[in-house]
C-alpha atoms as a PDB file:
ATOM      1  CA  MET A   1      22.392  25.063  49.158  1.00  0.00           C
ATOM      2  CA  LYS A   2      24.575  27.108  46.815  1.00  0.00           C
ATOM      3  CA  THR A   3      23.868  30.352  45.023  1.00  0.00           C
ATOM      4  CA  VAL A   4      24.622  29.833  41.343  1.00  0.00           C
ATOM      5  CA  LEU A   5      24.725  32.488  38.640  1.00  0.00           C
ATOM      6  CA  VAL A   6      23.986  31.352  35.084  1.00  0.00           C
ATOM      7  CA  ALA A   7      25.002  33.914  32.458  1.00  0.00           C
ATOM      8  CA  GLY A   8      22.955  33.298  29.331  1.00  0.00           C
ATOM      9  CA  GLY A   9      20.385  31.548  31.492  1.00  0.00           C
ATOM     10  CA  ALA A  10      17.437  32.288  29.189  1.00  0.00           C
ATOM     11  CA  GLY A  11      19.027  30.515  26.246  1.00  0.00           C
ATOM     12  CA  PHE A  12      18.562  26.938  25.071  1.00  0.00           C
ATOM     13  CA  LEU A  13      21.238  25.371  27.274  1.00  0.00           C
ATOM     14  CA  GLY A  14      21.058  28.008  29.999  1.00  0.00           C
ATOM     15  CA  SER A  15      17.358  27.503  30.710  1.00  0.00           C
ATOM     16  CA  HIS A  16      17.823  23.734  31.050  1.00  0.00           C
ATOM     17  CA  LEU A  17      20.769  24.342  33.374  1.00  0.00           C
ATOM     18  CA  CYS A  18      18.748  26.771  35.547  1.00  0.00           C
ATOM     19  CA  GLU A  19      15.931  24.246  35.785  1.00  0.00           C
ATOM     20  CA  THR A  20      18.261  21.397  36.770  1.00  0.00           C
ATOM     21  CA  LEU A  21      20.086  23.488  39.387  1.00  0.00           C
ATOM     22  CA  LEU A  22      16.753  24.423  40.974  1.00  0.00           C
ATOM     23  CA  ASN A  23      15.815  20.745  41.035  1.00  0.00           C
ATOM     24  CA  HIS A  24      19.093  20.094  42.855  1.00  0.00           C
ATOM     25  CA  GLY A  25      18.051  22.520  45.597  1.00  0.00           C
ATOM     26  CA  HIS A  26      20.202  25.554  44.713  1.00  0.00           C
ATOM     27  CA  ARG A  27      19.391  29.240  44.460  1.00  0.00           C
ATOM     28  CA  VAL A  28      19.712  30.374  40.852  1.00  0.00           C
ATOM     29  CA  ILE A  29      20.384  33.848  39.488  1.00  0.00           C
ATOM     30  CA  CYS A  30      19.660  33.848  35.771  1.00  0.00           C
ATOM     31  CA  VAL A  31      21.401  36.664  33.869  1.00  0.00           C
ATOM     32  CA  ASP A  32      20.474  37.395  30.259  1.00  0.00           C
ATOM     33  CA  ASN A  33      19.929  40.344  27.915  1.00  0.00           C
ATOM     34  CA  PHE A  34      17.715  38.353  25.491  1.00  0.00           C
ATOM     35  CA  TYR A  35      20.126  38.874  22.594  1.00  0.00           C
ATOM     36  CA  THR A  36      19.405  35.273  21.616  1.00  0.00           C
ATOM     37  CA  GLY A  37      17.704  33.987  24.761  1.00  0.00           C
ATOM     38  CA  SER A  38      13.953  34.059  25.209  1.00  0.00           C
ATOM     39  CA  PRO A  39      11.658  34.923  28.136  1.00  0.00           C
ATOM     40  CA  ALA A  40       9.564  31.901  27.127  1.00  0.00           C
ATOM     41  CA  ASN A  41      12.440  29.578  28.050  1.00  0.00           C
ATOM     42  CA  ILE A  42      12.330  30.625  31.696  1.00  0.00           C
ATOM     43  CA  ALA A  43       8.647  31.562  32.062  1.00  0.00           C
ATOM     44  CA  HIS A  44       7.953  28.372  34.014  1.00  0.00           C
ATOM     45  CA  LEU A  45      10.737  29.222  36.490  1.00  0.00           C
ATOM     46  CA  THR A  46       9.918  32.822  37.367  1.00  0.00           C
ATOM     47  CA  ALA A  47       7.540  31.957  40.213  1.00  0.00           C
ATOM     48  CA  HIS A  48      10.042  29.622  41.862  1.00  0.00           C
ATOM     49  CA  PRO A  49      11.129  31.022  45.267  1.00  0.00           C
ATOM     50  CA  ARG A  50      14.804  30.206  44.622  1.00  0.00           C
ATOM     51  CA  PHE A  51      14.920  31.696  41.120  1.00  0.00           C
ATOM     52  CA  ARG A  52      15.869  35.272  40.338  1.00  0.00           C
ATOM     53  CA  PHE A  53      16.143  36.866  36.916  1.00  0.00           C
ATOM     54  CA  VAL A  54      18.465  39.801  36.193  1.00  0.00           C
ATOM     55  CA  GLN A  55      18.337  41.415  32.765  1.00  0.00           C
ATOM     56  CA  HIS A  56      21.919  42.442  32.078  1.00  0.00           C
ATOM     57  CA  ASN A  57      24.514  42.484  29.307  1.00  0.00           C
ATOM     58  CA  ILE A  58      27.771  40.941  30.536  1.00  0.00           C
ATOM     59  CA  LEU A  59      29.713  43.434  28.389  1.00  0.00           C
ATOM     60  CA  MET A  60      28.965  45.722  31.323  1.00  0.00           C
ATOM     61  CA  ALA A  61      30.506  45.109  34.754  1.00  0.00           C
ATOM     62  CA  MET A  62      28.172  43.356  37.157  1.00  0.00           C
ATOM     63  CA  THR A  63      27.679  44.002  40.860  1.00  0.00           C
ATOM     64  CA  LEU A  64      25.282  41.852  42.879  1.00  0.00           C
ATOM     65  CA  SER A  65      24.454  42.031  46.560  1.00  0.00           C
ATOM     66  CA  ASP A  66      24.017  38.254  46.742  1.00  0.00           C
ATOM     67  CA  PRO A  67      27.150  36.225  47.502  1.00  0.00           C
ATOM     68  CA  ILE A  68      27.828  33.871  44.582  1.00  0.00           C
ATOM     69  CA  ASP A  69      29.270  30.374  44.943  1.00  0.00           C
ATOM     70  CA  GLU A  70      29.388  29.285  41.301  1.00  0.00           C
ATOM     71  CA  ILE A  71      29.212  31.003  37.903  1.00  0.00           C
ATOM     72  CA  TYR A  72      28.338  29.242  34.658  1.00  0.00           C
ATOM     73  CA  ASN A  73      29.080  31.327  31.569  1.00  0.00           C
ATOM     74  CA  LEU A  74      26.829  30.344  28.666  1.00  0.00           C
ATOM     75  CA  ALA A  75      26.375  33.932  27.457  1.00  0.00           C
ATOM     76  CA  CYS A  76      27.255  33.947  23.774  1.00  0.00           C
ATOM     77  CA  PRO A  77      25.355  33.583  20.487  1.00  0.00           C
ATOM     78  CA  ALA A  78      26.016  29.987  19.439  1.00  0.00           C
ATOM     79  CA  SER A  79      24.444  29.474  16.012  1.00  0.00           C
ATOM     80  CA  PRO A  80      26.018  30.817  12.803  1.00  0.00           C
ATOM     81  CA  PRO A  81      23.208  33.202  11.793  1.00  0.00           C
ATOM     82  CA  LYS A  82      23.128  34.639  15.313  1.00  0.00           C
ATOM     83  CA  TYR A  83      26.858  35.082  15.917  1.00  0.00           C
ATOM     84  CA  GLN A  84      27.508  36.329  12.360  1.00  0.00           C
ATOM     85  CA  LYS A  85      24.759  38.950  12.698  1.00  0.00           C
ATOM     86  CA  ASP A  86      27.103  41.144  14.767  1.00  0.00           C
ATOM     87  CA  PRO A  87      30.575  39.579  14.723  1.00  0.00           C
ATOM     88  CA  HIS A  88      32.178  42.327  16.816  1.00  0.00           C
ATOM     89  CA  TYR A  89      29.606  41.774  19.552  1.00  0.00           C
ATOM     90  CA  THR A  90      30.306  38.021  19.445  1.00  0.00           C
ATOM     91  CA  VAL A  91      34.034  38.595  19.886  1.00  0.00           C
ATOM     92  CA  MET A  92      33.563  41.083  22.712  1.00  0.00           C
ATOM     93  CA  VAL A  93      31.164  38.820  24.630  1.00  0.00           C
ATOM     94  CA  ASN A  94      33.964  36.264  24.664  1.00  0.00           C
ATOM     95  CA  ILE A  95      36.593  38.780  25.799  1.00  0.00           C
ATOM     96  CA  THR A  96      35.083  41.649  27.792  1.00  0.00           C
ATOM     97  CA  GLY A  97      32.209  39.475  28.998  1.00  0.00           C
ATOM     98  CA  VAL A  98      34.543  36.772  30.274  1.00  0.00           C
ATOM     99  CA  LEU A  99      36.780  39.362  31.968  1.00  0.00           C
ATOM    100  CA  ASN A 100      33.734  40.820  33.750  1.00  0.00           C
ATOM    101  CA  LEU A 101      32.677  37.389  34.993  1.00  0.00           C
ATOM    102  CA  ILE A 102      36.226  36.672  36.161  1.00  0.00           C
ATOM    103  CA  ALA A 103      36.095  39.912  38.172  1.00  0.00           C
ATOM    104  CA  LEU A 104      32.777  38.790  39.685  1.00  0.00           C
ATOM    105  CA  ALA A 105      34.289  35.398  40.529  1.00  0.00           C
ATOM    106  CA  ARG A 106      37.254  37.094  42.227  1.00  0.00           C
ATOM    107  CA  ARG A 107      35.020  39.285  44.401  1.00  0.00           C
ATOM    108  CA  ASN A 108      32.942  36.293  45.483  1.00  0.00           C
ATOM    109  CA  ASN A 109      35.710  33.685  45.588  1.00  0.00           C
ATOM    110  CA  ALA A 110      33.448  31.711  43.263  1.00  0.00           C
ATOM    111  CA  ARG A 111      34.067  28.887  40.850  1.00  0.00           C
ATOM    112  CA  LEU A 112      33.709  29.769  37.181  1.00  0.00           C
ATOM    113  CA  LEU A 113      32.795  27.390  34.350  1.00  0.00           C
ATOM    114  CA  GLN A 114      33.198  28.560  30.773  1.00  0.00           C
ATOM    115  CA  ALA A 115      31.025  26.995  28.089  1.00  0.00           C
ATOM    116  CA  SER A 116      33.518  26.687  25.258  1.00  0.00           C
ATOM    117  CA  THR A 117      32.829  24.842  22.038  1.00  0.00           C
ATOM    118  CA  SER A 118      33.963  22.167  19.634  1.00  0.00           C
ATOM    119  CA  GLU A 119      34.393  25.031  17.150  1.00  0.00           C
ATOM    120  CA  VAL A 120      37.791  25.737  18.726  1.00  0.00           C
ATOM    121  CA  TYR A 121      38.945  22.733  16.648  1.00  0.00           C
ATOM    122  CA  GLY A 122      37.815  24.474  13.453  1.00  0.00           C
ATOM    123  CA  ASP A 123      37.760  22.150  10.448  1.00  0.00           C
ATOM    124  CA  PRO A 124      39.769  19.420  12.178  1.00  0.00           C
ATOM    125  CA  LEU A 125      42.515  17.403  10.597  1.00  0.00           C
ATOM    126  CA  ASN A 126      41.704  14.397  12.780  1.00  0.00           C
ATOM    127  CA  ASN A 127      38.562  12.285  12.563  1.00  0.00           C
ATOM    128  CA  VAL A 128      38.212  12.278  16.366  1.00  0.00           C
ATOM    129  CA  GLN A 129      38.889  15.481  18.296  1.00  0.00           C
ATOM    130  CA  LYS A 130      40.938  15.282  21.488  1.00  0.00           C
ATOM    131  CA  GLU A 131      41.525  18.082  23.970  1.00  0.00           C
ATOM    132  CA  THR A 132      45.212  18.046  23.056  1.00  0.00           C
ATOM    133  CA  ASP A 133      44.417  19.028  19.444  1.00  0.00           C
ATOM    134  CA  TRP A 134      45.336  22.647  18.712  1.00  0.00           C
ATOM    135  CA  GLY A 135      42.709  23.077  16.046  1.00  0.00           C
ATOM    136  CA  HIS A 136      42.572  24.136  12.404  1.00  0.00           C
ATOM    137  CA  VAL A 137      40.755  27.493  12.355  1.00  0.00           C
ATOM    138  CA  ASN A 138      40.517  30.159   9.670  1.00  0.00           C
ATOM    139  CA  CYS A 139      41.108  33.289  11.758  1.00  0.00           C
ATOM    140  CA  THR A 140      39.860  35.638   9.000  1.00  0.00           C
ATOM    141  CA  GLY A 141      36.762  33.721   7.876  1.00  0.00           C
ATOM    142  CA  PRO A 142      33.079  34.440   8.582  1.00  0.00           C
ATOM    143  CA  ARG A 143      32.999  31.952  11.486  1.00  0.00           C
ATOM    144  CA  ALA A 144      36.122  33.372  13.126  1.00  0.00           C
ATOM    145  CA  CYS A 145      34.218  35.781  15.390  1.00  0.00           C
ATOM    146  CA  TYR A 146      32.848  32.742  17.231  1.00  0.00           C
ATOM    147  CA  ASP A 147      35.680  30.242  16.797  1.00  0.00           C
ATOM    148  CA  GLU A 148      38.471  32.642  17.702  1.00  0.00           C
ATOM    149  CA  GLY A 149      36.327  34.394  20.305  1.00  0.00           C
ATOM    150  CA  LYS A 150      35.902  31.115  22.171  1.00  0.00           C
ATOM    151  CA  ARG A 151      39.598  30.284  21.769  1.00  0.00           C
ATOM    152  CA  CYS A 152      40.490  33.675  23.237  1.00  0.00           C
ATOM    153  CA  ALA A 153      38.079  33.115  26.130  1.00  0.00           C
ATOM    154  CA  GLU A 154      39.905  29.873  26.931  1.00  0.00           C
ATOM    155  CA  THR A 155      43.220  31.777  26.840  1.00  0.00           C
ATOM    156  CA  ILE A 156      41.924  34.379  29.295  1.00  0.00           C
ATOM    157  CA  LEU A 157      40.628  31.730  31.693  1.00  0.00           C
ATOM    158  CA  PHE A 158      43.797  29.674  31.709  1.00  0.00           C
ATOM    159  CA  ASP A 159      45.912  32.808  32.219  1.00  0.00           C
ATOM    160  CA  GLU A 160      43.717  33.611  35.224  1.00  0.00           C
ATOM    161  CA  TRP A 161      44.113  30.059  36.531  1.00  0.00           C
ATOM    162  CA  ARG A 162      47.913  30.175  36.207  1.00  0.00           C
ATOM    163  CA  LYS A 163      47.975  33.529  37.995  1.00  0.00           C
ATOM    164  CA  THR A 164      45.520  32.888  40.826  1.00  0.00           C
ATOM    165  CA  HIS A 165      44.798  29.120  40.876  1.00  0.00           C
ATOM    166  CA  ARG A 166      41.141  30.061  41.264  1.00  0.00           C
ATOM    167  CA  PRO A 167      38.883  27.092  40.363  1.00  0.00           C
ATOM    168  CA  MET A 168      38.287  27.493  36.616  1.00  0.00           C
ATOM    169  CA  LYS A 169      36.530  24.950  34.412  1.00  0.00           C
ATOM    170  CA  VAL A 170      36.385  24.824  30.611  1.00  0.00           C
ATOM    171  CA  ALA A 171      33.869  22.579  28.811  1.00  0.00           C
ATOM    172  CA  ARG A 172      34.154  22.134  25.050  1.00  0.00           C
ATOM    173  CA  ILE A 173      30.560  21.512  24.032  1.00  0.00           C
ATOM    174  CA  PHE A 174      29.803  19.524  20.888  1.00  0.00           C
ATOM    175  CA  ASN A 175      26.480  19.651  19.001  1.00  0.00           C
ATOM    176  CA  THR A 176      23.632  19.568  21.495  1.00  0.00           C
ATOM    177  CA  TYR A 177      19.932  19.412  20.721  1.00  0.00           C
ATOM    178  CA  GLY A 178      16.576  19.151  22.454  1.00  0.00           C
ATOM    179  CA  PRO A 179      13.471  21.109  23.463  1.00  0.00           C
ATOM    180  CA  ARG A 180      13.724  24.931  23.497  1.00  0.00           C
ATOM    181  CA  MET A 181      15.972  25.113  20.469  1.00  0.00           C
ATOM    182  CA  GLN A 182      15.033  28.044  18.244  1.00  0.00           C
ATOM    183  CA  ALA A 183      13.476  27.103  14.929  1.00  0.00           C
ATOM    184  CA  ASP A 184      15.451  29.724  13.020  1.00  0.00           C
ATOM    185  CA  ASP A 185      18.864  29.278  14.635  1.00  0.00           C
ATOM    186  CA  GLY A 186      20.440  27.591  11.627  1.00  0.00           C
ATOM    187  CA  ARG A 187      21.356  24.367  13.441  1.00  0.00           C
ATOM    188  CA  ILE A 188      20.989  21.070  11.730  1.00  0.00           C
ATOM    189  CA  VAL A 189      18.560  19.299  14.074  1.00  0.00           C
ATOM    190  CA  SER A 190      16.102  22.190  14.399  1.00  0.00           C
ATOM    191  CA  ASN A 191      16.325  22.902  10.657  1.00  0.00           C
ATOM    192  CA  PHE A 192      15.602  19.326   9.639  1.00  0.00           C
ATOM    193  CA  VAL A 193      12.810  18.788  12.177  1.00  0.00           C
ATOM    194  CA  VAL A 194      10.975  22.007  11.353  1.00  0.00           C
ATOM    195  CA  GLN A 195      11.331  21.567   7.595  1.00  0.00           C
ATOM    196  CA  ALA A 196      10.039  18.005   7.786  1.00  0.00           C
ATOM    197  CA  LEU A 197       7.160  18.964  10.115  1.00  0.00           C
ATOM    198  CA  LEU A 198       6.064  21.675   7.705  1.00  0.00           C
ATOM    199  CA  GLY A 199       6.218  19.327   4.739  1.00  0.00           C
ATOM    200  CA  ARG A 200       9.070  21.206   3.098  1.00  0.00           C
ATOM    201  CA  PRO A 201      12.224  19.840   1.471  1.00  0.00           C
ATOM    202  CA  ILE A 202      15.019  19.109   3.935  1.00  0.00           C
ATOM    203  CA  THR A 203      18.025  21.274   3.067  1.00  0.00           C
ATOM    204  CA  VAL A 204      21.360  19.435   3.164  1.00  0.00           C
ATOM    205  CA  TYR A 205      24.529  21.407   2.505  1.00  0.00           C
ATOM    206  CA  GLY A 206      27.401  19.954   0.525  1.00  0.00           C
ATOM    207  CA  ASN A 207      27.021  16.296  -0.411  1.00  0.00           C
ATOM    208  CA  GLY A 208      25.704  15.366   3.031  1.00  0.00           C
ATOM    209  CA  THR A 209      28.726  13.285   4.042  1.00  0.00           C
ATOM    210  CA  GLN A 210      29.950  15.812   6.616  1.00  0.00           C
ATOM    211  CA  THR A 211      29.465  14.430  10.118  1.00  0.00           C
ATOM    212  CA  ARG A 212      28.263  15.669  13.478  1.00  0.00           C
ATOM    213  CA  SER A 213      27.858  14.046  16.894  1.00  0.00           C
ATOM    214  CA  PHE A 214      24.560  14.801  18.603  1.00  0.00           C
ATOM    215  CA  CYS A 215      24.241  15.009  22.392  1.00  0.00           C
ATOM    216  CA  TYR A 216      20.827  15.344  24.029  1.00  0.00           C
ATOM    217  CA  VAL A 217      20.519  18.415  26.244  1.00  0.00           C
ATOM    218  CA  ASP A 218      19.854  16.532  29.518  1.00  0.00           C
ATOM    219  CA  ASP A 219      23.092  14.574  29.123  1.00  0.00           C
ATOM    220  CA  LEU A 220      25.051  17.739  28.348  1.00  0.00           C
ATOM    221  CA  ILE A 221      23.704  19.570  31.418  1.00  0.00           C
ATOM    222  CA  ASP A 222      24.687  16.601  33.594  1.00  0.00           C
ATOM    223  CA  GLY A 223      28.218  16.881  32.207  1.00  0.00           C
ATOM    224  CA  LEU A 224      28.448  20.610  32.944  1.00  0.00           C
ATOM    225  CA  ILE A 225      27.328  20.128  36.543  1.00  0.00           C
ATOM    226  CA  ARG A 226      29.744  17.238  37.065  1.00  0.00           C
ATOM    227  CA  LEU A 227      32.580  19.398  35.726  1.00  0.00           C
ATOM    228  CA  MET A 228      31.675  22.277  38.039  1.00  0.00           C
ATOM    229  CA  GLN A 229      31.601  19.904  41.019  1.00  0.00           C
ATOM    230  CA  SER A 230      34.912  18.234  40.133  1.00  0.00           C
ATOM    231  CA  PRO A 231      38.056  18.839  42.232  1.00  0.00           C
ATOM    232  CA  ASP A 232      39.809  22.191  41.861  1.00  0.00           C
ATOM    233  CA  GLY A 233      42.658  20.618  39.912  1.00  0.00           C
ATOM    234  CA  VAL A 234      40.295  19.507  37.129  1.00  0.00           C
ATOM    235  CA  THR A 235      40.272  22.592  34.928  1.00  0.00           C
ATOM    236  CA  GLY A 236      39.832  21.093  31.478  1.00  0.00           C
ATOM    237  CA  PRO A 237      39.359  21.722  28.721  1.00  0.00           C
ATOM    238  CA  ILE A 238      37.077  18.691  28.663  1.00  0.00           C
ATOM    239  CA  ASN A 239      35.048  17.558  25.665  1.00  0.00           C
ATOM    240  CA  LEU A 240      31.340  17.053  26.342  1.00  0.00           C
ATOM    241  CA  GLY A 241      29.398  15.443  23.526  1.00  0.00           C
ATOM    242  CA  ASN A 242      28.174  12.196  22.050  1.00  0.00           C
ATOM    243  CA  PRO A 243      30.930  10.177  20.331  1.00  0.00           C
ATOM    244  CA  GLU A 244      28.411   8.536  17.989  1.00  0.00           C
ATOM    245  CA  GLN A 245      29.070  10.094  14.583  1.00  0.00           C
ATOM    246  CA  LEU A 246      26.373  10.587  11.946  1.00  0.00           C
ATOM    247  CA  SER A 247      26.384  12.211   8.519  1.00  0.00           C
ATOM    248  CA  ALA A 248      24.045  15.085   7.681  1.00  0.00           C
ATOM    249  CA  LEU A 249      22.325  12.938   5.073  1.00  0.00           C
ATOM    250  CA  ALA A 250      21.804  10.080   7.533  1.00  0.00           C
ATOM    251  CA  LEU A 251      20.317  12.486  10.083  1.00  0.00           C
ATOM    252  CA  ALA A 252      17.875  13.876   7.511  1.00  0.00           C
ATOM    253  CA  ARG A 253      16.701  10.363   6.690  1.00  0.00           C
ATOM    254  CA  ARG A 254      16.451   9.450  10.378  1.00  0.00           C
ATOM    255  CA  ILE A 255      14.228  12.452  11.135  1.00  0.00           C
ATOM    256  CA  ALA A 256      12.012  11.756   8.105  1.00  0.00           C
ATOM    257  CA  ARG A 257      11.616   8.156   9.254  1.00  0.00           C
ATOM    258  CA  LEU A 258      10.638   9.228  12.780  1.00  0.00           C
ATOM    259  CA  LEU A 259       8.054  11.590  11.307  1.00  0.00           C
ATOM    260  CA  GLN A 260       6.863   8.881   8.933  1.00  0.00           C
ATOM    261  CA  VAL A 261       7.407  10.963   5.790  1.00  0.00           C
ATOM    262  CA  GLU A 262       9.457  10.266   2.715  1.00  0.00           C
ATOM    263  CA  PRO A 263      12.745  12.199   2.847  1.00  0.00           C
ATOM    264  CA  ASN A 264      12.494  14.997   0.265  1.00  0.00           C
ATOM    265  CA  ILE A 265      16.082  16.257   0.315  1.00  0.00           C
ATOM    266  CA  VAL A 266      17.590  19.166  -1.618  1.00  0.00           C
ATOM    267  CA  PHE A 267      21.314  19.876  -1.755  1.00  0.00           C
ATOM    268  CA  LYS A 268      22.943  23.307  -1.564  1.00  0.00           C
ATOM    269  CA  PRO A 269      26.589  24.472  -1.520  1.00  0.00           C
ATOM    270  CA  LEU A 270      28.487  23.972   1.717  1.00  0.00           C
ATOM    271  CA  PRO A 271      29.012  27.260   3.618  1.00  0.00           C
ATOM    272  CA  ILE A 272      32.526  28.681   3.980  1.00  0.00           C
ATOM    273  CA  ASP A 273      34.640  26.958   6.663  1.00  0.00           C
ATOM    274  CA  ASP A 274      31.856  24.577   7.647  1.00  0.00           C
ATOM    275  CA  PRO A 275      33.616  21.679   9.428  1.00  0.00           C
ATOM    276  CA  LYS A 276      33.619  18.363   7.580  1.00  0.00           C
ATOM    277  CA  ARG A 277      33.683  16.237  10.710  1.00  0.00           C
ATOM    278  CA  ARG A 278      32.788  16.437  14.385  1.00  0.00           C
ATOM    279  CA  ARG A 279      33.363  13.595  16.807  1.00  0.00           C
ATOM    280  CA  PRO A 280      34.556  14.086  20.383  1.00  0.00           C
ATOM    281  CA  ASP A 281      36.976  11.896  22.244  1.00  0.00           C
ATOM    282  CA  ILE A 282      35.314  11.817  25.677  1.00  0.00           C
ATOM    283  CA  SER A 283      37.909   9.648  27.432  1.00  0.00           C
ATOM    284  CA  LYS A 284      38.798  12.547  29.726  1.00  0.00           C
ATOM    285  CA  ALA A 285      35.161  13.137  30.715  1.00  0.00           C
ATOM    286  CA  LYS A 286      34.707   9.438  31.463  1.00  0.00           C
ATOM    287  CA  MET A 287      37.876   9.238  33.561  1.00  0.00           C
ATOM    288  CA  LEU A 288      37.661  12.549  35.461  1.00  0.00           C
ATOM    289  CA  LEU A 289      33.914  13.093  35.702  1.00  0.00           C
ATOM    290  CA  GLY A 290      32.445   9.618  35.368  1.00  0.00           C
ATOM    291  CA  TRP A 291      30.353  11.093  32.554  1.00  0.00           C
ATOM    292  CA  GLU A 292      29.065   9.849  29.234  1.00  0.00           C
ATOM    293  CA  PRO A 293      25.772  10.445  27.393  1.00  0.00           C
ATOM    294  CA  HIS A 294      22.969   7.908  27.823  1.00  0.00           C
ATOM    295  CA  THR A 295      20.079   9.238  25.716  1.00  0.00           C
ATOM    296  CA  THR A 296      19.821   7.499  22.357  1.00  0.00           C
ATOM    297  CA  LEU A 297      19.436   9.609  19.246  1.00  0.00           C
ATOM    298  CA  ASN A 298      15.940   8.261  18.571  1.00  0.00           C
ATOM    299  CA  GLU A 299      14.841   9.062  22.133  1.00  0.00           C
ATOM    300  CA  GLY A 300      16.250  12.582  21.983  1.00  0.00           C
ATOM    301  CA  LEU A 301      14.883  13.295  18.524  1.00  0.00           C
ATOM    302  CA  GLY A 302      11.461  12.039  19.623  1.00  0.00           C
ATOM    303  CA  ARG A 303      11.381  14.552  22.486  1.00  0.00           C
ATOM    304  CA  THR A 304      12.643  17.329  20.236  1.00  0.00           C
ATOM    305  CA  ILE A 305      10.027  16.569  17.591  1.00  0.00           C
ATOM    306  CA  ALA A 306       7.321  16.584  20.273  1.00  0.00           C
ATOM    307  CA  PHE A 307       8.489  20.047  21.359  1.00  0.00           C
ATOM    308  CA  PHE A 308       8.303  21.466  17.837  1.00  0.00           C
ATOM    309  CA  ARG A 309       4.954  19.782  17.141  1.00  0.00           C
ATOM    310  CA  THR A 310       3.340  22.068  19.725  1.00  0.00           C
ATOM    311  CA  ARG A 311       4.719  25.176  18.060  1.00  0.00           C
ATOM    312  CA  PHE A 312       3.983  24.900  14.369  1.00  0.00           C
ATOM    313  CA  VAL A 313       1.129  24.309  11.993  1.00  0.00           C
ATOM    314  CA  PRO A 314       1.928  22.878   8.564  1.00  0.00           C
ATOM    315  CA  LEU A 315       2.211  25.454   5.781  1.00  0.00           C
ATOM    316  CA  ALA A 316       2.577  22.985   2.951  1.00  0.00           C
ATOM    317  CA  LYS A 317       1.606  19.469   2.017  1.00  0.00           C
ATOM    318  CA  PRO A 318       3.874  16.710   3.371  1.00  0.00           C
ATOM    319  CA  ALA A 319       6.796  15.824   1.139  1.00  0.00           C
ATOM    320  CA  VAL A 320       5.340  12.533  -0.064  1.00  0.00           C
ATOM    321  CA  GLY A 321       2.351  10.420   0.905  1.00  0.00           C
ATOM    322  CA  ARG A 322       1.814  10.188   4.651  1.00  0.00           C
ATOM    323  CA  GLN A 323       0.635  13.162   6.680  1.00  0.00           C
ATOM    324  CA  ALA A 324       3.610  14.787   8.404  1.00  0.00           C
ATOM    325  CA  GLY A 325       1.517  17.458  10.075  1.00  0.00           C
ATOM    326  CA  ALA A 326      -1.544  15.472  11.046  1.00  0.00           C
ATOM    327  CA  ALA A 327      -0.805  15.639  14.765  1.00  0.00           C
ATOM    328  CA  LEU A 328       0.344  19.251  14.881  1.00  0.00           C
ATOM    329  CA  THR A 329      -1.535  21.276  17.469  1.00  0.00           C
ATOM    330  CA  GLY A 330       0.350  24.590  17.668  1.00  0.00           C
ATOM    331  CA  VAL A 331      -0.688  27.938  16.310  1.00  0.00           C
ATOM    332  CA  GLN A 332       2.643  29.507  15.408  1.00  0.00           C
ATOM    333  CA  ASP A 333       3.328  30.277  11.762  1.00  0.00           C
ATOM    334  CA  ILE A 334       6.747  30.625  10.248  1.00  0.00           C
ATOM    335  CA  SER A 335       7.873  32.050   6.949  1.00  0.00           C
ATOM    336  CA  PRO A 336       9.941  29.977   4.518  1.00  0.00           C
ATOM    337  CA  GLY A 337      12.933  32.277   4.890  1.00  0.00           C
ATOM    338  CA  ALA A 338      13.005  31.915   8.644  1.00  0.00           C
ATOM    339  CA  ILE A 339      14.172  28.315   8.454  1.00  0.00           C
ATOM    340  CA  SER A 340      16.623  28.640   5.599  1.00  0.00           C
ATOM    341  CA  ALA A 341      19.854  27.451   7.171  1.00  0.00           C
ATOM    342  CA  VAL A 342      23.292  28.820   6.507  1.00  0.00           C
ATOM    343  CA  SER A 343      25.199  26.051   8.272  1.00  0.00           C
ATOM    344  CA  ILE A 344      24.790  22.532   9.577  1.00  0.00           C
ATOM    345  CA  SER A 345      26.403  23.360  12.916  1.00  0.00           C
END
């Protein structure tokens, strides 16, 4: 049994990771300051005898009495509205926060895995992104606090690895979706599902031809754990995502079809620096980790829709014809502005 610290453990990905690690028999220390995470995401774990929650901001140095074997760093706002809300905070989480976790790893002789992002590729010049690509990032744009923050975090980690040869792992995470996503986080899957459930027009930015690759959360968590458990010499960066590419317009139609509503789609201008394509080359993950995603998009979307069905009541009539909200059982209300996206990330 290992003792594993998950920074950002009350977030979307972090809570799923905590849950899986507990299922694998480990002790889990979940660290979060609820900047974007939610107590609801970990409420079902708090009574577990091997789970411990520590409310802490990783911008501050951390000292724990428990010896730590592994550290997963998922502590960073990851959706455009959240990381653009306080861009300086976003940058510092990726610099000072990472340095503090490196110091914790040194004191405990622990492995450290950094959750990086496909956003390090920026608006890529290649249709398929490989780990050897250097990226095409606007370092002065509104997304730079996240894109460049994550790039800098990778720099810090690889400098530490060259200096100490401490086991460091870097995962470049592509679009991931599933239960526990926030309805107002500005991401394409949650936006489309919630808008369609509430009978509202589905907002597509640009002409809808921009592409994303959607990985279900369970598959992504499996990839992170496999990377952490890989030999010391496997540092990464390693792409983790689904190589199946889909346009924004095709996703909107797919979700409408699963909800059995006619797709009522409205188009708005594409946000600044929004990437036109996202598709990971996962050859490295297959070869070094034996990993690839297995959940089909329809399966994953079905589970995600079921999650949101329990949380919303319809505020408007379905887009056309059939009853989108007929099976909704939740009691939460949501204002129209809360699900107005600013990006399709």
